[in-house]
Amino acid sequence: MRAIRCASLFDGEWFTTGPATVFIDGEVIAGIEPGHPAVDSSVELVDLGDATVLPGLIDTHVHLVTDSVPRALDLVDGYSDGEIDAVITRSLAAQLAGGVTTVRDLGDRRFVVVDRRDDQRARRTRSANGSTGGSTS
């Protein structure tokens, strides 16, 4: 369990009138309480000070395979697999640093972004099931 304290909170509809604490259990928001209540010592406490907490933002038109240089889409076909993977990684990191947690990708090369998403989902599923995905020979 994790508790995130903040000066204010926006849930997509309303702002709190004062500080709030968000309780997260795994990947699920378990609750929100006004103020900064005491938490059990087993709870990881994150104090964001004067920050406002809000839901992750959504960008509905991105090109994760480009790196924003002039004529970036024209360069995509010339990238090696490693280069395009590095561009996607940087693009995703930039989105996350800006508060964007969900993207709709509208420019790809032979479905490399879709394949990456599927690989990440498969790894997460194997991990959740306790499987390492390795050989048992």
N, C-alpha and C. Protein backbone atom coordinates (compact mmCIF):
# COMPACT_ATOMS: atom_id res chain seq x y z
N MET A 1 0.86 -1.18 0.00
CA MET A 1 0.00 0.00 0.00
C MET A 1 0.90 1.23 0.00
N ARG A 2 0.46 2.26 -0.70
CA ARG A 2 1.18 3.53 -0.79
C ARG A 2 0.18 4.65 -0.50
N ALA A 3 0.63 5.68 0.21
CA ALA A 3 -0.19 6.86 0.47
C ALA A 3 0.54 8.07 -0.12
N ILE A 4 -0.16 8.81 -0.95
CA ILE A 4 0.43 10.00 -1.57
C ILE A 4 -0.28 11.23 -1.03
N ARG A 5 0.48 12.06 -0.33
CA ARG A 5 -0.06 13.31 0.22
C ARG A 5 0.20 14.44 -0.76
N CYS A 6 -0.78 15.31 -0.91
CA CYS A 6 -0.64 16.44 -1.82
C CYS A 6 -1.40 17.65 -1.27
N ALA A 7 -1.07 18.82 -1.81
CA ALA A 7 -1.72 20.04 -1.36
C ALA A 7 -3.14 20.15 -1.90
N SER A 8 -3.37 19.60 -3.10
CA SER A 8 -4.70 19.59 -3.68
C SER A 8 -4.80 18.43 -4.66
N LEU A 9 -6.03 18.13 -5.05
CA LEU A 9 -6.28 17.00 -5.92
C LEU A 9 -7.39 17.35 -6.89
N PHE A 10 -7.22 16.93 -8.14
CA PHE A 10 -8.25 17.07 -9.17
C PHE A 10 -8.53 15.68 -9.69
N ASP A 11 -9.78 15.24 -9.66
CA ASP A 11 -10.10 13.88 -10.08
C ASP A 11 -10.71 13.80 -11.48
N GLY A 12 -10.69 14.89 -12.20
CA GLY A 12 -11.28 14.93 -13.53
C GLY A 12 -12.60 15.67 -13.54
N GLU A 13 -13.20 15.83 -12.35
CA GLU A 13 -14.45 16.58 -12.22
C GLU A 13 -14.35 17.71 -11.21
N TRP A 14 -13.66 17.48 -10.11
CA TRP A 14 -13.64 18.48 -9.04
C TRP A 14 -12.26 18.56 -8.40
N PHE A 15 -11.97 19.74 -7.82
CA PHE A 15 -10.76 19.97 -7.04
C PHE A 15 -11.11 19.84 -5.56
N THR A 16 -10.17 19.34 -4.78
CA THR A 16 -10.38 19.35 -3.34
C THR A 16 -10.28 20.79 -2.85
N THR A 17 -10.87 21.05 -1.71
CA THR A 17 -10.78 22.40 -1.13
C THR A 17 -9.58 22.54 -0.22
N GLY A 18 -8.83 21.49 -0.05
CA GLY A 18 -7.63 21.50 0.78
C GLY A 18 -6.78 20.30 0.46
N PRO A 19 -5.84 19.99 1.33
CA PRO A 19 -4.95 18.86 1.07
C PRO A 19 -5.71 17.54 1.02
N ALA A 20 -5.07 16.54 0.41
CA ALA A 20 -5.69 15.22 0.28
C ALA A 20 -4.60 14.15 0.34
N THR A 21 -5.05 12.93 0.60
CA THR A 21 -4.16 11.77 0.58
C THR A 21 -4.81 10.70 -0.29
N VAL A 22 -4.03 10.21 -1.25
CA VAL A 22 -4.50 9.17 -2.16
C VAL A 22 -3.85 7.85 -1.71
N PHE A 23 -4.67 6.83 -1.52
CA PHE A 23 -4.18 5.51 -1.13
C PHE A 23 -4.20 4.59 -2.34
N ILE A 24 -3.05 3.96 -2.61
CA ILE A 24 -2.91 3.11 -3.78
C ILE A 24 -2.50 1.71 -3.32
N ASP A 25 -3.26 0.73 -3.77
CA ASP A 25 -2.98 -0.67 -3.46
C ASP A 25 -2.58 -1.35 -4.76
N GLY A 26 -1.31 -1.63 -4.94
CA GLY A 26 -0.82 -2.18 -6.21
C GLY A 26 -0.94 -1.14 -7.29
N GLU A 27 -1.80 -1.41 -8.27
CA GLU A 27 -2.03 -0.47 -9.37
C GLU A 27 -3.41 0.16 -9.30
N VAL A 28 -4.08 0.01 -8.15
CA VAL A 28 -5.46 0.47 -8.01
C VAL A 28 -5.55 1.56 -6.94
N ILE A 29 -6.27 2.64 -7.26
CA ILE A 29 -6.54 3.66 -6.24
C ILE A 29 -7.56 3.07 -5.28
N ALA A 30 -7.13 2.89 -4.03
CA ALA A 30 -7.99 2.25 -3.03
C ALA A 30 -8.88 3.25 -2.32
N GLY A 31 -8.49 4.53 -2.32
CA GLY A 31 -9.30 5.54 -1.67
C GLY A 31 -8.62 6.89 -1.66
N ILE A 32 -9.42 7.90 -1.37
CA ILE A 32 -8.94 9.27 -1.24
C ILE A 32 -9.54 9.83 0.03
N GLU A 33 -8.69 10.42 0.86
CA GLU A 33 -9.17 11.01 2.10
C GLU A 33 -8.76 12.48 2.15
N PRO A 34 -9.63 13.32 2.69
CA PRO A 34 -9.26 14.72 2.86
C PRO A 34 -8.15 14.86 3.91
N GLY A 35 -7.32 15.85 3.74
CA GLY A 35 -6.25 16.11 4.71
C GLY A 35 -5.13 15.11 4.61
N HIS A 36 -4.34 15.06 5.67
CA HIS A 36 -3.20 14.15 5.72
C HIS A 36 -3.32 13.26 6.96
N PRO A 37 -4.18 12.26 6.89
CA PRO A 37 -4.38 11.38 8.05
C PRO A 37 -3.11 10.58 8.36
N ALA A 38 -3.01 10.12 9.58
CA ALA A 38 -1.90 9.25 9.96
C ALA A 38 -2.01 7.94 9.18
N VAL A 39 -0.87 7.38 8.83
CA VAL A 39 -0.86 6.11 8.11
C VAL A 39 -0.02 5.10 8.89
N ASP A 40 -0.35 3.85 8.73
CA ASP A 40 0.36 2.77 9.37
C ASP A 40 1.81 2.73 8.86
N SER A 41 2.71 2.27 9.66
CA SER A 41 4.14 2.23 9.29
C SER A 41 4.40 1.28 8.12
N SER A 42 3.47 0.36 7.83
CA SER A 42 3.64 -0.55 6.70
C SER A 42 3.30 0.11 5.36
N VAL A 43 2.73 1.31 5.41
CA VAL A 43 2.34 2.03 4.20
C VAL A 43 3.48 2.93 3.76
N GLU A 44 3.86 2.82 2.48
CA GLU A 44 4.88 3.71 1.93
C GLU A 44 4.25 5.10 1.78
N LEU A 45 4.86 6.09 2.40
CA LEU A 45 4.32 7.45 2.37
C LEU A 45 5.12 8.32 1.42
N VAL A 46 4.41 8.95 0.47
CA VAL A 46 5.03 9.88 -0.48
C VAL A 46 4.38 11.23 -0.24
N ASP A 47 5.17 12.21 0.15
CA ASP A 47 4.65 13.55 0.41
C ASP A 47 5.08 14.46 -0.73
N LEU A 48 4.11 14.93 -1.51
CA LEU A 48 4.40 15.77 -2.68
C LEU A 48 4.40 17.26 -2.35
N GLY A 49 4.26 17.60 -1.09
CA GLY A 49 4.32 19.00 -0.69
C GLY A 49 3.19 19.81 -1.29
N ASP A 50 3.55 20.87 -2.03
CA ASP A 50 2.57 21.80 -2.60
C ASP A 50 1.98 21.33 -3.93
N ALA A 51 2.27 20.12 -4.35
CA ALA A 51 1.83 19.64 -5.66
C ALA A 51 0.33 19.35 -5.70
N THR A 52 -0.22 19.41 -6.91
CA THR A 52 -1.59 18.99 -7.16
C THR A 52 -1.54 17.66 -7.89
N VAL A 53 -2.29 16.68 -7.42
CA VAL A 53 -2.36 15.37 -8.05
C VAL A 53 -3.56 15.37 -8.98
N LEU A 54 -3.38 14.81 -10.18
CA LEU A 54 -4.47 14.71 -11.14
C LEU A 54 -4.34 13.41 -11.90
N PRO A 55 -5.40 12.97 -12.58
CA PRO A 55 -5.32 11.74 -13.36
C PRO A 55 -4.31 11.89 -14.48
N GLY A 56 -3.80 10.76 -14.96
CA GLY A 56 -2.90 10.80 -16.10
C GLY A 56 -3.59 11.41 -17.30
N LEU A 57 -2.82 12.19 -18.06
CA LEU A 57 -3.36 12.82 -19.26
C LEU A 57 -3.33 11.85 -20.44
N ILE A 58 -4.15 12.13 -21.45
CA ILE A 58 -4.23 11.28 -22.64
C ILE A 58 -3.88 12.13 -23.85
N ASP A 59 -2.94 11.65 -24.67
CA ASP A 59 -2.60 12.32 -25.93
C ASP A 59 -3.14 11.43 -27.04
N THR A 60 -4.09 11.95 -27.81
CA THR A 60 -4.79 11.12 -28.80
C THR A 60 -4.18 11.16 -30.20
N HIS A 61 -3.02 11.81 -30.36
CA HIS A 61 -2.37 11.81 -31.67
C HIS A 61 -0.87 11.96 -31.49
N VAL A 62 -0.18 10.82 -31.46
CA VAL A 62 1.28 10.83 -31.33
C VAL A 62 1.87 9.95 -32.41
N HIS A 63 3.16 10.15 -32.65
CA HIS A 63 3.96 9.31 -33.53
C HIS A 63 5.16 8.88 -32.71
N LEU A 64 5.05 7.77 -32.01
CA LEU A 64 6.12 7.33 -31.10
C LEU A 64 7.40 6.96 -31.83
N VAL A 65 7.33 6.65 -33.13
CA VAL A 65 8.52 6.25 -33.88
C VAL A 65 9.32 7.44 -34.40
N THR A 66 8.87 8.65 -34.12
CA THR A 66 9.61 9.83 -34.57
C THR A 66 10.18 10.58 -33.37
N ASP A 67 11.22 11.35 -33.64
CA ASP A 67 11.88 12.06 -32.55
C ASP A 67 11.83 13.57 -32.70
N SER A 68 10.84 14.05 -33.41
CA SER A 68 10.54 15.48 -33.51
C SER A 68 11.59 16.31 -34.24
N VAL A 69 12.49 15.67 -34.97
CA VAL A 69 13.43 16.42 -35.79
C VAL A 69 12.72 16.78 -37.09
N PRO A 70 13.22 17.77 -37.83
CA PRO A 70 12.58 18.10 -39.11
C PRO A 70 12.47 16.87 -40.01
N ARG A 71 11.32 16.72 -40.64
CA ARG A 71 11.02 15.62 -41.56
C ARG A 71 11.18 14.25 -40.87
N ALA A 72 10.81 14.19 -39.60
CA ALA A 72 11.01 12.98 -38.79
C ALA A 72 10.34 11.75 -39.39
N LEU A 73 9.13 11.90 -39.91
CA LEU A 73 8.44 10.73 -40.49
C LEU A 73 9.19 10.18 -41.70
N ASP A 74 9.91 11.04 -42.43
CA ASP A 74 10.68 10.58 -43.59
C ASP A 74 11.88 9.74 -43.17
N LEU A 75 12.36 9.89 -41.94
CA LEU A 75 13.53 9.17 -41.46
C LEU A 75 13.23 7.78 -40.93
N VAL A 76 11.98 7.53 -40.61
CA VAL A 76 11.61 6.30 -39.91
C VAL A 76 12.03 5.05 -40.67
N ASP A 77 11.82 4.99 -41.96
CA ASP A 77 12.15 3.78 -42.73
C ASP A 77 13.64 3.46 -42.69
N GLY A 78 14.49 4.46 -42.47
CA GLY A 78 15.94 4.23 -42.45
C GLY A 78 16.49 3.80 -41.10
N TYR A 79 15.69 3.83 -40.06
CA TYR A 79 16.15 3.44 -38.73
C TYR A 79 16.34 1.93 -38.63
N SER A 80 17.39 1.52 -37.94
CA SER A 80 17.55 0.10 -37.61
C SER A 80 16.53 -0.24 -36.53
N ASP A 81 16.36 -1.53 -36.25
CA ASP A 81 15.43 -1.93 -35.18
C ASP A 81 15.84 -1.32 -33.85
N GLY A 82 17.14 -1.30 -33.55
CA GLY A 82 17.63 -0.72 -32.31
C GLY A 82 17.39 0.77 -32.24
N GLU A 83 17.60 1.47 -33.35
CA GLU A 83 17.39 2.92 -33.38
C GLU A 83 15.92 3.26 -33.18
N ILE A 84 15.04 2.53 -33.84
CA ILE A 84 13.61 2.85 -33.70
C ILE A 84 13.12 2.51 -32.29
N ASP A 85 13.66 1.44 -31.69
CA ASP A 85 13.29 1.12 -30.32
C ASP A 85 13.75 2.22 -29.37
N ALA A 86 14.93 2.77 -29.61
CA ALA A 86 15.43 3.86 -28.76
C ALA A 86 14.57 5.11 -28.92
N VAL A 87 14.12 5.41 -30.14
CA VAL A 87 13.24 6.56 -30.37
C VAL A 87 11.91 6.37 -29.63
N ILE A 88 11.35 5.17 -29.71
CA ILE A 88 10.08 4.88 -29.03
C ILE A 88 10.27 5.04 -27.52
N THR A 89 11.36 4.53 -26.99
CA THR A 89 11.63 4.65 -25.55
C THR A 89 11.72 6.10 -25.14
N ARG A 90 12.45 6.92 -25.92
CA ARG A 90 12.56 8.36 -25.59
C ARG A 90 11.20 9.05 -25.72
N SER A 91 10.43 8.69 -26.72
CA SER A 91 9.10 9.30 -26.92
C SER A 91 8.18 8.99 -25.75
N LEU A 92 8.18 7.74 -25.32
CA LEU A 92 7.34 7.35 -24.19
C LEU A 92 7.79 8.05 -22.90
N ALA A 93 9.10 8.15 -22.70
CA ALA A 93 9.62 8.83 -21.50
C ALA A 93 9.22 10.30 -21.50
N ALA A 94 9.28 10.95 -22.66
CA ALA A 94 8.90 12.37 -22.75
C ALA A 94 7.41 12.54 -22.45
N GLN A 95 6.59 11.63 -22.96
CA GLN A 95 5.16 11.70 -22.68
C GLN A 95 4.91 11.57 -21.18
N LEU A 96 5.52 10.57 -20.56
CA LEU A 96 5.32 10.35 -19.13
C LEU A 96 5.82 11.52 -18.30
N ALA A 97 6.96 12.10 -18.69
CA ALA A 97 7.49 13.26 -17.96
C ALA A 97 6.53 14.44 -18.02
N GLY A 98 5.71 14.51 -19.06
CA GLY A 98 4.72 15.57 -19.20
C GLY A 98 3.38 15.23 -18.57
N GLY A 99 3.28 14.09 -17.91
CA GLY A 99 2.04 13.71 -17.25
C GLY A 99 1.10 12.89 -18.11
N VAL A 100 1.54 12.52 -19.30
CA VAL A 100 0.71 11.72 -20.21
C VAL A 100 0.94 10.25 -19.89
N THR A 101 -0.13 9.54 -19.55
CA THR A 101 -0.02 8.12 -19.21
C THR A 101 -0.67 7.21 -20.25
N THR A 102 -1.39 7.79 -21.21
CA THR A 102 -2.05 7.02 -22.26
C THR A 102 -1.86 7.76 -23.58
N VAL A 103 -1.42 7.03 -24.62
CA VAL A 103 -1.27 7.63 -25.94
C VAL A 103 -2.00 6.81 -26.98
N ARG A 104 -2.41 7.49 -28.03
CA ARG A 104 -2.98 6.84 -29.21
C ARG A 104 -1.98 7.09 -30.33
N ASP A 105 -1.26 6.06 -30.72
CA ASP A 105 -0.20 6.19 -31.72
C ASP A 105 -0.80 6.13 -33.12
N LEU A 106 -0.47 7.13 -33.94
CA LEU A 106 -1.04 7.21 -35.29
C LEU A 106 0.01 7.21 -36.39
N GLY A 107 1.18 6.71 -36.09
CA GLY A 107 2.21 6.61 -37.11
C GLY A 107 3.21 5.57 -36.67
N ASP A 108 3.40 4.56 -37.46
CA ASP A 108 4.18 3.41 -37.03
C ASP A 108 4.98 2.90 -38.23
N ARG A 109 5.88 1.98 -37.97
CA ARG A 109 6.60 1.29 -39.04
C ARG A 109 6.40 -0.20 -38.85
N ARG A 110 5.64 -0.79 -39.74
CA ARG A 110 5.38 -2.23 -39.72
C ARG A 110 4.94 -2.72 -38.33
N PHE A 111 4.12 -1.91 -37.66
CA PHE A 111 3.48 -2.27 -36.38
C PHE A 111 4.48 -2.48 -35.25
N VAL A 112 5.64 -1.83 -35.30
CA VAL A 112 6.65 -2.01 -34.25
C VAL A 112 6.14 -1.53 -32.89
N VAL A 113 5.34 -0.47 -32.85
CA VAL A 113 4.80 0.02 -31.58
C VAL A 113 3.77 -0.97 -31.04
N VAL A 114 2.93 -1.50 -31.91
CA VAL A 114 1.93 -2.49 -31.49
C VAL A 114 2.63 -3.75 -30.98
N ASP A 115 3.68 -4.18 -31.68
CA ASP A 115 4.42 -5.37 -31.24
C ASP A 115 5.07 -5.12 -29.87
N ARG A 116 5.60 -3.93 -29.66
CA ARG A 116 6.21 -3.61 -28.37
C ARG A 116 5.16 -3.65 -27.26
N ARG A 117 4.00 -3.06 -27.53
CA ARG A 117 2.92 -3.08 -26.55
C ARG A 117 2.53 -4.51 -26.19
N ASP A 118 2.38 -5.34 -27.22
CA ASP A 118 1.98 -6.73 -26.99
C ASP A 118 3.05 -7.49 -26.20
N ASP A 119 4.33 -7.25 -26.50
CA ASP A 119 5.41 -7.90 -25.75
C ASP A 119 5.39 -7.46 -24.29
N GLN A 120 5.16 -6.18 -24.03
CA GLN A 120 5.11 -5.69 -22.65
C GLN A 120 3.93 -6.31 -21.91
N ARG A 121 2.79 -6.41 -22.56
CA ARG A 121 1.62 -7.03 -21.92
C ARG A 121 1.89 -8.49 -21.60
N ALA A 122 2.54 -9.20 -22.53
CA ALA A 122 2.84 -10.61 -22.31
C ALA A 122 3.81 -10.78 -21.14
N ARG A 123 4.82 -9.92 -21.05
CA ARG A 123 5.77 -9.99 -19.93
C ARG A 123 5.06 -9.71 -18.62
N ARG A 124 4.16 -8.72 -18.60
CA ARG A 124 3.42 -8.38 -17.39
C ARG A 124 2.53 -9.55 -16.97
N THR A 125 1.90 -10.20 -17.94
CA THR A 125 1.04 -11.34 -17.64
C THR A 125 1.86 -12.50 -17.08
N ARG A 126 3.01 -12.79 -17.70
CA ARG A 126 3.88 -13.86 -17.20
C ARG A 126 4.35 -13.54 -15.80
N SER A 127 4.71 -12.28 -15.56
CA SER A 127 5.19 -11.86 -14.24
C SER A 127 4.09 -11.99 -13.19
N ALA A 128 2.88 -11.60 -13.55
CA ALA A 128 1.75 -11.67 -12.61
C ALA A 128 1.42 -13.12 -12.27
N ASN A 129 1.69 -14.03 -13.21
CA ASN A 129 1.41 -15.44 -12.99
C ASN A 129 2.57 -16.18 -12.34
N GLY A 130 3.66 -15.46 -12.07
CA GLY A 130 4.80 -16.07 -11.42
C GLY A 130 5.74 -16.79 -12.36
N SER A 131 5.50 -16.70 -13.65
CA SER A 131 6.34 -17.38 -14.63
C SER A 131 7.46 -16.46 -15.06
N THR A 132 8.64 -17.01 -15.25
CA THR A 132 9.76 -16.21 -15.72
C THR A 132 9.83 -16.20 -17.23
N GLY A 133 9.09 -17.09 -17.86
CA GLY A 133 9.10 -17.16 -19.33
C GLY A 133 10.31 -17.88 -19.86
N GLY A 134 11.17 -18.42 -18.98
CA GLY A 134 12.37 -19.09 -19.43
C GLY A 134 12.12 -20.56 -19.72
N SER A 135 13.13 -21.19 -20.26
CA SER A 135 13.06 -22.61 -20.60
C SER A 135 13.19 -23.45 -19.34
N THR A 136 12.55 -24.60 -19.32
CA THR A 136 12.64 -25.50 -18.17
C THR A 136 13.35 -26.79 -18.54
N SER A 137 14.20 -26.77 -19.55
CA SER A 137 14.88 -28.00 -19.98
C SER A 137 15.98 -28.42 -19.06
